[in-house]
Protein backbone atom coordinates (compact mmCIF):
# COMPACT_ATOMS: atom_id res chain seq x y z
CA MET A 1 -78.62 -9.17 16.55
CA LEU A 2 -77.83 -11.09 19.24
CA THR A 3 -75.98 -13.90 17.12
CA VAL A 4 -73.13 -11.61 15.91
CA SER A 5 -72.76 -9.81 19.53
CA ALA A 6 -69.26 -10.57 20.78
CA CYS A 7 -68.56 -12.85 17.81
CA ALA A 8 -64.99 -11.21 17.52
CA SER A 9 -64.14 -13.05 20.94
CA ILE A 10 -65.92 -16.17 19.96
CA ILE A 11 -64.23 -16.77 16.83
CA ASN A 12 -60.75 -15.05 17.77
CA GLY A 13 -60.29 -16.20 21.19
CA LYS A 14 -57.50 -14.40 23.82
CA THR A 15 -54.59 -15.28 21.73
CA GLN A 16 -53.01 -15.84 18.36
CA GLU A 17 -50.32 -17.89 16.77
CA VAL A 18 -48.10 -15.32 15.12
CA GLY A 19 -45.50 -16.67 12.11
CA ILE A 20 -42.26 -15.30 12.61
CA THR A 21 -39.78 -15.66 9.48
CA SER A 22 -36.41 -14.25 8.86
CA ASN A 23 -33.77 -14.27 6.00
CA PRO A 24 -32.13 -15.82 6.13
CA PRO A 25 -33.75 -18.76 8.09
CA GLY A 26 -32.51 -20.01 11.55
CA ALA A 27 -32.35 -16.40 13.46
CA THR A 28 -33.44 -16.62 17.15
CA VAL A 29 -36.44 -14.48 17.98
CA SER A 30 -36.85 -13.71 21.63
CA ILE A 31 -39.67 -11.64 23.34
CA VAL A 32 -38.01 -8.76 25.16
CA SER A 33 -40.79 -7.01 26.36
CA ARG A 34 -44.51 -6.45 26.38
CA LEU A 35 -46.96 -3.90 26.70
CA ASP A 36 -50.29 -4.43 28.16
CA ARG A 37 -53.63 -3.10 27.04
CA TYR A 38 -52.54 0.13 29.08
CA ARG A 39 -49.48 0.46 27.32
CA GLN A 40 -47.62 -0.37 30.82
CA ARG A 41 -44.45 -2.34 30.43
CA VAL A 42 -44.74 -5.70 31.80
CA GLU A 43 -41.36 -7.40 32.86
CA LEU A 44 -41.27 -10.96 31.26
CA SER A 45 -39.82 -13.83 33.47
CA ASP A 46 -39.90 -16.65 31.02
CA GLY A 47 -37.56 -15.72 28.39
CA ILE A 48 -39.38 -17.09 25.41
CA SER A 49 -37.34 -17.76 22.27
CA VAL A 50 -37.65 -19.37 19.56
CA THR A 51 -35.88 -20.31 16.04
CA ALA A 52 -37.22 -18.51 12.68
CA PRO A 53 -39.33 -19.84 10.86
CA ALA A 54 -41.73 -20.33 14.26
CA LEU A 55 -45.13 -19.56 15.35
CA LEU A 56 -45.43 -17.28 18.95
CA ARG A 57 -48.42 -17.48 20.87
CA LEU A 58 -48.99 -14.00 21.58
CA ALA A 59 -51.88 -12.31 23.74
CA ARG A 60 -54.39 -10.19 21.85
CA LEU A 61 -54.72 -7.38 24.19
CA ASP A 62 -50.80 -6.72 24.49
CA SER A 63 -48.08 -5.48 22.36
CA TYR A 64 -44.58 -7.18 22.10
CA ARG A 65 -40.90 -5.90 21.22
CA LEU A 66 -38.62 -9.24 19.80
CA LEU A 67 -35.17 -9.24 19.33
CA VAL A 68 -33.93 -11.12 16.34
CA GLN A 69 -30.47 -12.09 16.20
CA LYS A 70 -28.30 -14.28 14.33
CA GLU A 71 -24.53 -15.09 14.37
CA GLY A 72 -22.78 -12.63 11.54
CA TYR A 73 -25.85 -10.22 11.38
CA LEU A 74 -26.91 -7.04 13.13
CA PRO A 75 -29.51 -7.49 15.64
CA GLN A 76 -32.83 -6.03 15.06
CA HIS A 77 -35.65 -4.91 17.46
CA VAL A 78 -39.20 -5.42 15.79
CA ARG A 79 -42.58 -4.03 17.59
CA VAL A 80 -45.57 -6.39 17.16
CA GLU A 81 -48.69 -4.28 17.60
CA HIS A 82 -51.98 -5.40 17.57
CA ARG A 83 -54.58 -3.97 15.26
CA TYR A 84 -58.40 -4.32 15.16
CA SER A 85 -59.48 -7.72 13.71
CA TRP A 86 -61.97 -7.64 10.41
CA TRP A 87 -64.30 -9.68 12.92
CA ALA A 88 -64.48 -6.61 15.29
CA TYR A 89 -66.66 -4.77 12.71
CA LEU A 90 -69.35 -7.25 13.15
CA ASP A 91 -69.88 -6.18 16.61
CA VAL A 92 -70.64 -2.64 15.64
CA LEU A 93 -74.19 -4.20 14.56
CA PRO A 94 -75.59 -4.45 18.12
CA LEU A 95 -75.19 -0.92 19.38
CA LEU A 96 -78.18 -1.10 21.47
CA LEU A 97 -76.64 -3.83 23.73
CA ASP A 98 -73.00 -2.56 23.74
CA LEU A 99 -71.39 -5.68 23.78
CA MET A 100 -68.29 -4.68 22.27
CA PHE A 101 -67.07 -4.25 25.86
CA ILE A 102 -66.95 -8.03 26.07
CA ASN A 103 -64.55 -8.22 23.13
CA GLU A 104 -62.33 -5.44 24.08
CA GLU A 105 -62.27 -7.33 27.87
CA ILE A 106 -61.02 -10.56 26.00
CA GLY A 107 -58.85 -9.22 23.42
CA GLY A 108 -60.85 -10.38 20.51
CA LEU A 109 -61.08 -7.53 18.85
CA TYR A 110 -57.55 -7.34 18.08
CA ALA A 111 -55.32 -9.31 15.81
CA PHE A 112 -51.66 -9.57 14.90
CA ASP A 113 -49.91 -9.56 11.35
CA ASP A 114 -47.17 -12.13 10.84
CA VAL A 115 -43.44 -11.03 11.27
CA HIS A 116 -40.98 -11.22 8.37
CA VAL A 117 -37.70 -9.80 9.56
CA THR A 118 -34.91 -9.32 6.72
CA LEU A 119 -31.41 -9.09 8.94
CA VAL A 120 -28.37 -7.16 7.73
CA PRO A 121 -25.01 -8.88 7.33
CA GLU A 122 -22.36 -7.35 10.02
CA VAL A 123 -19.49 -5.43 8.32
CA LYS A 124 -16.38 -6.28 9.67
CA ALA A 125 -13.34 -4.33 9.46
CA PRO A 126 -10.59 -5.56 7.44
CA ALA A 127 -7.47 -7.38 9.23
CA GLY A 128 -4.58 -5.47 9.99
CA ARG A 129 -6.60 -2.10 10.43
CA ASP A 130 -6.53 -0.44 14.03
């Protein structure tokens, strides 16, 4: 039982690289805000932005709101919520020791799905109309 205790944290770690893609490619993806594990909004001071396709390294304990933008397309906000990692289910085995607490504190219980955003073209008014 001890060999599988806290295995989610050992396997997963505190962060995860999340794949970000857009259709069309080349959109700018910015982290607008994040919610910590207590659902408290955390202001971001570093202004992380990438150009899709890209990888973003995200803390597993948090959830995020991204802004996806490309010239000629409507901007889109995307929520990136963590979910339970399938490794977390192995931690249910040692119930007598209750070592899931370790994974909860580190973030190993959680994982993210990759993000794909299809942008919608802007509709421009025909010339000469006011």
